[in-house]
Amino acid sequence: MTVTKERKQEIVKEFSKHENDSGSADVQIAVLTERINSMTEHMRSAVRDYSSRRGLLKMVSKRRSLLDYVRKHEPQRYLELITKLNIRK
């Protein structure tokens, strides 16, 4: 259900703009997407896990606000990001 340390490092390396970049919007969106995907798989088997559902909805909301920020400031980067992460919008 959680993202392993190695997987998170791979994601940071793939989406970072420079070597020490671990907090840019792109990286945050990519890590949240990975967590959302794993949580979605958990929710398919545990339908009545309402506390996990709340956490999932909070993650989706946070990712949406980060995506809105990227779309507002750099529309081309936004389009590249949603196609790379396979996010519907």
PDB file of N, CA and C in Angstrom:
ATOM      1  N   MET A   1       0.820  -1.187   0.000  1.00  0.00           N
ATOM      2  CA  MET A   1       0.000   0.000   0.000  1.00  0.00           C
ATOM      3  C   MET A   1       0.867   1.256   0.000  1.00  0.00           C
ATOM      4  N   THR A   2       2.072   1.179   0.525  1.00  0.00           N
ATOM      5  CA  THR A   2       2.941   2.347   0.529  1.00  0.00           C
ATOM      6  C   THR A   2       3.958   2.243  -0.593  1.00  0.00           C
ATOM      7  N   VAL A   3       4.588   3.353  -0.883  1.00  0.00           N
ATOM      8  CA  VAL A   3       5.609   3.398  -1.903  1.00  0.00           C
ATOM      9  C   VAL A   3       6.941   3.105  -1.228  1.00  0.00           C
ATOM     10  N   THR A   4       7.687   2.164  -1.764  1.00  0.00           N
ATOM     11  CA  THR A   4       8.972   1.825  -1.164  1.00  0.00           C
ATOM     12  C   THR A   4       9.976   2.944  -1.383  1.00  0.00           C
ATOM     13  N   LYS A   5      11.009   2.937  -0.566  1.00  0.00           N
ATOM     14  CA  LYS A   5      12.028   3.971  -0.630  1.00  0.00           C
ATOM     15  C   LYS A   5      12.736   3.962  -1.992  1.00  0.00           C
ATOM     16  N   GLU A   6      13.013   2.776  -2.499  1.00  0.00           N
ATOM     17  CA  GLU A   6      13.692   2.663  -3.795  1.00  0.00           C
ATOM     18  C   GLU A   6      12.811   3.180  -4.923  1.00  0.00           C
ATOM     19  N   ARG A   7      11.518   2.826  -4.881  1.00  0.00           N
ATOM     20  CA  ARG A   7      10.587   3.283  -5.923  1.00  0.00           C
ATOM     21  C   ARG A   7      10.440   4.798  -5.889  1.00  0.00           C
ATOM     22  N   LYS A   8      10.395   5.371  -4.680  1.00  0.00           N
ATOM     23  CA  LYS A   8      10.276   6.815  -4.551  1.00  0.00           C
ATOM     24  C   LYS A   8      11.513   7.503  -5.119  1.00  0.00           C
ATOM     25  N   GLN A   9      12.696   6.948  -4.881  1.00  0.00           N
ATOM     26  CA  GLN A   9      13.924   7.514  -5.430  1.00  0.00           C
ATOM     27  C   GLN A   9      13.922   7.453  -6.956  1.00  0.00           C
ATOM     28  N   GLU A  10      13.406   6.366  -7.519  1.00  0.00           N
ATOM     29  CA  GLU A  10      13.289   6.256  -8.974  1.00  0.00           C
ATOM     30  C   GLU A  10      12.376   7.344  -9.530  1.00  0.00           C
ATOM     31  N   ILE A  11      11.258   7.563  -8.858  1.00  0.00           N
ATOM     32  CA  ILE A  11      10.299   8.578  -9.307  1.00  0.00           C
ATOM     33  C   ILE A  11      10.928   9.966  -9.225  1.00  0.00           C
ATOM     34  N   VAL A  12      11.606  10.247  -8.125  1.00  0.00           N
ATOM     35  CA  VAL A  12      12.257  11.554  -7.959  1.00  0.00           C
ATOM     36  C   VAL A  12      13.298  11.758  -9.044  1.00  0.00           C
ATOM     37  N   LYS A  13      14.076  10.728  -9.332  1.00  0.00           N
ATOM     38  CA  LYS A  13      15.116  10.837 -10.357  1.00  0.00           C
ATOM     39  C   LYS A  13      14.502  11.069 -11.742  1.00  0.00           C
ATOM     40  N   GLU A  14      13.374  10.423 -12.008  1.00  0.00           N
ATOM     41  CA  GLU A  14      12.735  10.541 -13.313  1.00  0.00           C
ATOM     42  C   GLU A  14      12.090  11.909 -13.536  1.00  0.00           C
ATOM     43  N   PHE A  15      11.475  12.481 -12.502  1.00  0.00           N
ATOM     44  CA  PHE A  15      10.707  13.705 -12.678  1.00  0.00           C
ATOM     45  C   PHE A  15      11.405  14.968 -12.181  1.00  0.00           C
ATOM     46  N   SER A  16      12.594  14.846 -11.617  1.00  0.00           N
ATOM     47  CA  SER A  16      13.278  16.028 -11.089  1.00  0.00           C
ATOM     48  C   SER A  16      13.849  16.864 -12.229  1.00  0.00           C
ATOM     49  N   LYS A  17      13.954  18.155 -11.969  1.00  0.00           N
ATOM     50  CA  LYS A  17      14.472  19.083 -12.971  1.00  0.00           C
ATOM     51  C   LYS A  17      16.000  19.140 -12.937  1.00  0.00           C
ATOM     52  N   HIS A  18      16.554  18.984 -11.742  1.00  0.00           N
ATOM     53  CA  HIS A  18      18.004  18.951 -11.588  1.00  0.00           C
ATOM     54  C   HIS A  18      18.351  17.931 -10.511  1.00  0.00           C
ATOM     55  N   GLU A  19      19.608  17.774 -10.203  1.00  0.00           N
ATOM     56  CA  GLU A  19      20.080  16.686  -9.354  1.00  0.00           C
ATOM     57  C   GLU A  19      19.473  16.683  -7.949  1.00  0.00           C
ATOM     58  N   ASN A  20      19.396  17.828  -7.304  1.00  0.00           N
ATOM     59  CA  ASN A  20      18.918  17.889  -5.923  1.00  0.00           C
ATOM     60  C   ASN A  20      17.448  18.265  -5.808  1.00  0.00           C
ATOM     61  N   ASP A  21      16.706  18.139  -6.867  1.00  0.00           N
ATOM     62  CA  ASP A  21      15.296  18.509  -6.881  1.00  0.00           C
ATOM     63  C   ASP A  21      14.449  17.348  -6.368  1.00  0.00           C
ATOM     64  N   SER A  22      13.845  17.532  -5.197  1.00  0.00           N
ATOM     65  CA  SER A  22      12.970  16.491  -4.671  1.00  0.00           C
ATOM     66  C   SER A  22      11.620  17.050  -4.246  1.00  0.00           C
ATOM     67  N   GLY A  23      11.402  18.352  -4.413  1.00  0.00           N
ATOM     68  CA  GLY A  23      10.163  18.943  -3.939  1.00  0.00           C
ATOM     69  C   GLY A  23       9.408  19.751  -4.963  1.00  0.00           C
ATOM     70  N   SER A  24       9.817  19.687  -6.216  1.00  0.00           N
ATOM     71  CA  SER A  24       9.089  20.447  -7.225  1.00  0.00           C
ATOM     72  C   SER A  24       7.700  19.859  -7.424  1.00  0.00           C
ATOM     73  N   ALA A  25       6.846  20.610  -8.047  1.00  0.00           N
ATOM     74  CA  ALA A  25       5.462  20.178  -8.246  1.00  0.00           C
ATOM     75  C   ALA A  25       5.408  18.887  -9.055  1.00  0.00           C
ATOM     76  N   ASP A  26       6.275  18.757 -10.051  1.00  0.00           N
ATOM     77  CA  ASP A  26       6.278  17.545 -10.876  1.00  0.00           C
ATOM     78  C   ASP A  26       6.576  16.308 -10.038  1.00  0.00           C
ATOM     79  N   VAL A  27       7.571  16.403  -9.191  1.00  0.00           N
ATOM     80  CA  VAL A  27       7.951  15.273  -8.348  1.00  0.00           C
ATOM     81  C   VAL A  27       6.838  14.949  -7.363  1.00  0.00           C
ATOM     82  N   GLN A  28       6.263  15.974  -6.751  1.00  0.00           N
ATOM     83  CA  GLN A  28       5.181  15.750  -5.791  1.00  0.00           C
ATOM     84  C   GLN A  28       3.980  15.085  -6.451  1.00  0.00           C
ATOM     85  N   ILE A  29       3.651  15.535  -7.657  1.00  0.00           N
ATOM     86  CA  ILE A  29       2.514  14.953  -8.386  1.00  0.00           C
ATOM     87  C   ILE A  29       2.799  13.500  -8.728  1.00  0.00           C
ATOM     88  N   ALA A  30       4.023  13.205  -9.151  1.00  0.00           N
ATOM     89  CA  ALA A  30       4.375  11.832  -9.517  1.00  0.00           C
ATOM     90  C   ALA A  30       4.327  10.902  -8.312  1.00  0.00           C
ATOM     91  N   VAL A  31       4.835  11.352  -7.168  1.00  0.00           N
ATOM     92  CA  VAL A  31       4.815  10.525  -5.964  1.00  0.00           C
ATOM     93  C   VAL A  31       3.374  10.323  -5.487  1.00  0.00           C
ATOM     94  N   LEU A  32       2.583  11.380  -5.510  1.00  0.00           N
ATOM     95  CA  LEU A  32       1.179  11.251  -5.122  1.00  0.00           C
ATOM     96  C   LEU A  32       0.434  10.294  -6.054  1.00  0.00           C
ATOM     97  N   THR A  33       0.737  10.347  -7.339  1.00  0.00           N
ATOM     98  CA  THR A  33       0.081   9.455  -8.295  1.00  0.00           C
ATOM     99  C   THR A  33       0.413   8.006  -7.984  1.00  0.00           C
ATOM    100  N   GLU A  34       1.661   7.739  -7.651  1.00  0.00           N
ATOM    101  CA  GLU A  34       2.064   6.380  -7.291  1.00  0.00           C
ATOM    102  C   GLU A  34       1.323   5.909  -6.039  1.00  0.00           C
ATOM    103  N   ARG A  35       1.231   6.775  -5.037  1.00  0.00           N
ATOM    104  CA  ARG A  35       0.525   6.426  -3.801  1.00  0.00           C
ATOM    105  C   ARG A  35      -0.969   6.235  -4.053  1.00  0.00           C
ATOM    106  N   ILE A  36      -1.556   7.090  -4.900  1.00  0.00           N
ATOM    107  CA  ILE A  36      -2.981   6.983  -5.216  1.00  0.00           C
ATOM    108  C   ILE A  36      -3.268   5.670  -5.931  1.00  0.00           C
ATOM    109  N   ASN A  37      -2.406   5.293  -6.863  1.00  0.00           N
ATOM    110  CA  ASN A  37      -2.613   4.043  -7.589  1.00  0.00           C
ATOM    111  C   ASN A  37      -2.548   2.836  -6.656  1.00  0.00           C
ATOM    112  N   SER A  38      -1.589   2.826  -5.724  1.00  0.00           N
ATOM    113  CA  SER A  38      -1.499   1.691  -4.799  1.00  0.00           C
ATOM    114  C   SER A  38      -2.677   1.689  -3.827  1.00  0.00           C
ATOM    115  N   MET A  39      -3.114   2.865  -3.396  1.00  0.00           N
ATOM    116  CA  MET A  39      -4.248   2.952  -2.475  1.00  0.00           C
ATOM    117  C   MET A  39      -5.542   2.528  -3.173  1.00  0.00           C
ATOM    118  N   THR A  40      -5.661   2.824  -4.456  1.00  0.00           N
ATOM    119  CA  THR A  40      -6.841   2.422  -5.208  1.00  0.00           C
ATOM    120  C   THR A  40      -6.954   0.900  -5.271  1.00  0.00           C
ATOM    121  N   GLU A  41      -5.821   0.235  -5.458  1.00  0.00           N
ATOM    122  CA  GLU A  41      -5.830  -1.235  -5.455  1.00  0.00           C
ATOM    123  C   GLU A  41      -6.279  -1.770  -4.097  1.00  0.00           C
ATOM    124  N   HIS A  42      -5.831  -1.153  -3.026  1.00  0.00           N
ATOM    125  CA  HIS A  42      -6.244  -1.570  -1.685  1.00  0.00           C
ATOM    126  C   HIS A  42      -7.746  -1.362  -1.499  1.00  0.00           C
ATOM    127  N   MET A  43      -8.257  -0.245  -1.989  1.00  0.00           N
ATOM    128  CA  MET A  43      -9.672   0.078  -1.794  1.00  0.00           C
ATOM    129  C   MET A  43     -10.589  -0.876  -2.568  1.00  0.00           C
ATOM    130  N   ARG A  44     -10.074  -1.477  -3.622  1.00  0.00           N
ATOM    131  CA  ARG A  44     -10.901  -2.437  -4.364  1.00  0.00           C
ATOM    132  C   ARG A  44     -11.185  -3.678  -3.530  1.00  0.00           C
ATOM    133  N   SER A  45     -10.242  -4.057  -2.662  1.00  0.00           N
ATOM    134  CA  SER A  45     -10.454  -5.248  -1.840  1.00  0.00           C
ATOM    135  C   SER A  45     -11.061  -4.909  -0.477  1.00  0.00           C
ATOM    136  N   ALA A  46     -10.840  -3.694   0.017  1.00  0.00           N
ATOM    137  CA  ALA A  46     -11.350  -3.294   1.333  1.00  0.00           C
ATOM    138  C   ALA A  46     -12.336  -2.143   1.148  1.00  0.00           C
ATOM    139  N   VAL A  47     -13.517  -2.461   0.713  1.00  0.00           N
ATOM    140  CA  VAL A  47     -14.507  -1.459   0.343  1.00  0.00           C
ATOM    141  C   VAL A  47     -14.944  -0.624   1.543  1.00  0.00           C
ATOM    142  N   ARG A  48     -15.002  -1.225   2.726  1.00  0.00           N
ATOM    143  CA  ARG A  48     -15.508  -0.511   3.902  1.00  0.00           C
ATOM    144  C   ARG A  48     -14.420   0.166   4.729  1.00  0.00           C
ATOM    145  N   ASP A  49     -13.234   0.306   4.194  1.00  0.00           N
ATOM    146  CA  ASP A  49     -12.137   0.963   4.903  1.00  0.00           C
ATOM    147  C   ASP A  49     -12.277   2.476   4.709  1.00  0.00           C
ATOM    148  N   TYR A  50     -13.099   3.072   5.554  1.00  0.00           N
ATOM    149  CA  TYR A  50     -13.465   4.472   5.372  1.00  0.00           C
ATOM    150  C   TYR A  50     -12.332   5.430   5.719  1.00  0.00           C
ATOM    151  N   SER A  51     -11.466   5.083   6.650  1.00  0.00           N
ATOM    152  CA  SER A  51     -10.355   5.970   6.979  1.00  0.00           C
ATOM    153  C   SER A  51      -9.349   6.014   5.833  1.00  0.00           C
ATOM    154  N   SER A  52      -9.124   4.890   5.167  1.00  0.00           N
ATOM    155  CA  SER A  52      -8.249   4.896   3.998  1.00  0.00           C
ATOM    156  C   SER A  52      -8.891   5.658   2.845  1.00  0.00           C
ATOM    157  N   ARG A  53     -10.205   5.562   2.736  1.00  0.00           N
ATOM    158  CA  ARG A  53     -10.911   6.307   1.691  1.00  0.00           C
ATOM    159  C   ARG A  53     -10.722   7.804   1.886  1.00  0.00           C
ATOM    160  N   ARG A  54     -10.787   8.249   3.135  1.00  0.00           N
ATOM    161  CA  ARG A  54     -10.593   9.666   3.429  1.00  0.00           C
ATOM    162  C   ARG A  54      -9.181  10.105   3.060  1.00  0.00           C
ATOM    163  N   GLY A  55      -8.200   9.289   3.390  1.00  0.00           N
ATOM    164  CA  GLY A  55      -6.819   9.602   3.026  1.00  0.00           C
ATOM    165  C   GLY A  55      -6.625   9.646   1.526  1.00  0.00           C
ATOM    166  N   LEU A  56      -7.268   8.716   0.827  1.00  0.00           N
ATOM    167  CA  LEU A  56      -7.190   8.689  -0.631  1.00  0.00           C
ATOM    168  C   LEU A  56      -7.782   9.957  -1.226  1.00  0.00           C
ATOM    169  N   LEU A  57      -8.929  10.373  -0.721  1.00  0.00           N
ATOM    170  CA  LEU A  57      -9.560  11.590  -1.235  1.00  0.00           C
ATOM    171  C   LEU A  57      -8.701  12.826  -0.953  1.00  0.00           C
ATOM    172  N   LYS A  58      -8.033  12.852   0.193  1.00  0.00           N
ATOM    173  CA  LYS A  58      -7.143  13.973   0.498  1.00  0.00           C
ATOM    174  C   LYS A  58      -5.955  14.010  -0.462  1.00  0.00           C
ATOM    175  N   MET A  59      -5.412  12.822  -0.790  1.00  0.00           N
ATOM    176  CA  MET A  59      -4.288  12.767  -1.733  1.00  0.00           C
ATOM    177  C   MET A  59      -4.722  13.223  -3.120  1.00  0.00           C
ATOM    178  N   VAL A  60      -5.901  12.792  -3.547  1.00  0.00           N
ATOM    179  CA  VAL A  60      -6.413  13.194  -4.858  1.00  0.00           C
ATOM    180  C   VAL A  60      -6.617  14.706  -4.905  1.00  0.00           C
ATOM    181  N   SER A  61      -7.127  15.276  -3.831  1.00  0.00           N
ATOM    182  CA  SER A  61      -7.344  16.714  -3.767  1.00  0.00           C
ATOM    183  C   SER A  61      -6.028  17.481  -3.806  1.00  0.00           C
ATOM    184  N   LYS A  62      -5.035  16.992  -3.095  1.00  0.00           N
ATOM    185  CA  LYS A  62      -3.716  17.635  -3.083  1.00  0.00           C
ATOM    186  C   LYS A  62      -3.096  17.575  -4.469  1.00  0.00           C
ATOM    187  N   ARG A  63      -3.200  16.420  -5.134  1.00  0.00           N
ATOM    188  CA  ARG A  63      -2.653  16.288  -6.484  1.00  0.00           C
ATOM    189  C   ARG A  63      -3.374  17.220  -7.451  1.00  0.00           C
ATOM    190  N   ARG A  64      -4.696  17.341  -7.286  1.00  0.00           N
ATOM    191  CA  ARG A  64      -5.465  18.220  -8.168  1.00  0.00           C
ATOM    192  C   ARG A  64      -5.025  19.674  -8.009  1.00  0.00           C
ATOM    193  N   SER A  65      -4.785  20.114  -6.776  1.00  0.00           N
ATOM    194  CA  SER A  65      -4.356  21.500  -6.565  1.00  0.00           C
ATOM    195  C   SER A  65      -2.959  21.726  -7.128  1.00  0.00           C
ATOM    196  N   LEU A  66      -2.073  20.743  -7.010  1.00  0.00           N
ATOM    197  CA  LEU A  66      -0.734  20.873  -7.606  1.00  0.00           C
ATOM    198  C   LEU A  66      -0.818  20.909  -9.132  1.00  0.00           C
ATOM    199  N   LEU A  67      -1.692  20.083  -9.702  1.00  0.00           N
ATOM    200  CA  LEU A  67      -1.871  20.091 -11.157  1.00  0.00           C
ATOM    201  C   LEU A  67      -2.448  21.421 -11.633  1.00  0.00           C
ATOM    202  N   ASP A  68      -3.369  21.983 -10.871  1.00  0.00           N
ATOM    203  CA  ASP A  68      -3.924  23.288 -11.231  1.00  0.00           C
ATOM    204  C   ASP A  68      -2.842  24.365 -11.205  1.00  0.00           C
ATOM    205  N   TYR A  69      -1.944  24.286 -10.233  1.00  0.00           N
ATOM    206  CA  TYR A  69      -0.835  25.235 -10.143  1.00  0.00           C
ATOM    207  C   TYR A  69       0.067  25.129 -11.371  1.00  0.00           C
ATOM    208  N   VAL A  70       0.421  23.908 -11.748  1.00  0.00           N
ATOM    209  CA  VAL A  70       1.292  23.716 -12.920  1.00  0.00           C
ATOM    210  C   VAL A  70       0.579  24.181 -14.176  1.00  0.00           C
ATOM    211  N   ARG A  71      -0.714  23.883 -14.293  1.00  0.00           N
ATOM    212  CA  ARG A  71      -1.471  24.292 -15.482  1.00  0.00           C
ATOM    213  C   ARG A  71      -1.538  25.811 -15.606  1.00  0.00           C
ATOM    214  N   LYS A  72      -1.663  26.487 -14.482  1.00  0.00           N
ATOM    215  CA  LYS A  72      -1.762  27.944 -14.488  1.00  0.00           C
ATOM    216  C   LYS A  72      -0.443  28.596 -14.908  1.00  0.00           C
ATOM    217  N   HIS A  73       0.673  28.043 -14.437  1.00  0.00           N
ATOM    218  CA  HIS A  73       1.968  28.670 -14.681  1.00  0.00           C
ATOM    219  C   HIS A  73       2.680  28.158 -15.934  1.00  0.00           C
ATOM    220  N   GLU A  74       2.544  26.868 -16.243  1.00  0.00           N
ATOM    221  CA  GLU A  74       3.202  26.303 -17.425  1.00  0.00           C
ATOM    222  C   GLU A  74       2.282  25.271 -18.081  1.00  0.00           C
ATOM    223  N   PRO A  75       1.404  25.727 -18.968  1.00  0.00           N
ATOM    224  CA  PRO A  75       0.419  24.816 -19.570  1.00  0.00           C
ATOM    225  C   PRO A  75       1.041  23.660 -20.359  1.00  0.00           C
ATOM    226  N   GLN A  76       2.145  23.905 -21.048  1.00  0.00           N
ATOM    227  CA  GLN A  76       2.774  22.840 -21.834  1.00  0.00           C
ATOM    228  C   GLN A  76       3.325  21.741 -20.922  1.00  0.00           C
ATOM    229  N   ARG A  77       3.949  22.134 -19.823  1.00  0.00           N
ATOM    230  CA  ARG A  77       4.483  21.167 -18.862  1.00  0.00           C
ATOM    231  C   ARG A  77       3.344  20.357 -18.241  1.00  0.00           C
ATOM    232  N   TYR A  78       2.212  21.000 -18.028  1.00  0.00           N
ATOM    233  CA  TYR A  78       1.027  20.316 -17.490  1.00  0.00           C
ATOM    234  C   TYR A  78       0.579  19.200 -18.423  1.00  0.00           C
ATOM    235  N   LEU A  79       0.485  19.510 -19.712  1.00  0.00           N
ATOM    236  CA  LEU A  79       0.055  18.510 -20.680  1.00  0.00           C
ATOM    237  C   LEU A  79       1.035  17.346 -20.765  1.00  0.00           C
ATOM    238  N   GLU A  80       2.327  17.646 -20.717  1.00  0.00           N
ATOM    239  CA  GLU A  80       3.339  16.588 -20.741  1.00  0.00           C
ATOM    240  C   GLU A  80       3.236  15.707 -19.501  1.00  0.00           C
ATOM    241  N   LEU A  81       2.983  16.335 -18.379  1.00  0.00           N
ATOM    242  CA  LEU A  81       2.925  15.609 -17.117  1.00  0.00           C
ATOM    243  C   LEU A  81       1.727  14.660 -17.063  1.00  0.00           C
ATOM    244  N   ILE A  82       0.554  15.116 -17.479  1.00  0.00           N
ATOM    245  CA  ILE A  82      -0.615  14.234 -17.395  1.00  0.00           C
ATOM    246  C   ILE A  82      -0.537  13.091 -18.412  1.00  0.00           C
ATOM    247  N   THR A  83       0.117  13.321 -19.549  1.00  0.00           N
ATOM    248  CA  THR A  83       0.275  12.218 -20.497  1.00  0.00           C
ATOM    249  C   THR A  83       1.318  11.225 -19.990  1.00  0.00           C
ATOM    250  N   LYS A  84       2.378  11.718 -19.382  1.00  0.00           N
ATOM    251  CA  LYS A  84       3.429  10.838 -18.873  1.00  0.00           C
ATOM    252  C   LYS A  84       2.922   9.974 -17.711  1.00  0.00           C
ATOM    253  N   LEU A  85       2.080  10.559 -16.860  1.00  0.00           N
ATOM    254  CA  LEU A  85       1.559   9.837 -15.702  1.00  0.00           C
ATOM    255  C   LEU A  85       0.248   9.127 -15.997  1.00  0.00           C
ATOM    256  N   ASN A  86      -0.291   9.334 -17.186  1.00  0.00           N
ATOM    257  CA  ASN A  86      -1.548   8.707 -17.594  1.00  0.00           C
ATOM    258  C   ASN A  86      -2.688   9.084 -16.649  1.00  0.00           C
ATOM    259  N   ILE A  87      -2.842  10.398 -16.453  1.00  0.00           N
ATOM    260  CA  ILE A  87      -3.904  10.954 -15.609  1.00  0.00           C
ATOM    261  C   ILE A  87      -4.992  11.497 -16.498  1.00  0.00           C
ATOM    262  N   ARG A  88      -6.229  11.178 -16.180  1.00  0.00           N
ATOM    263  CA  ARG A  88      -7.345  11.716 -16.955  1.00  0.00           C
ATOM    264  C   ARG A  88      -7.620  13.149 -16.546  1.00  0.00           C
ATOM    265  N   LYS A  89      -7.978  13.971 -17.502  1.00  0.00           N
ATOM    266  CA  LYS A  89      -8.462  15.328 -17.225  1.00  0.00           C
ATOM    267  C   LYS A  89      -9.093  15.879 -18.467  1.00  0.00           C
TER     268      LYS A  89
END
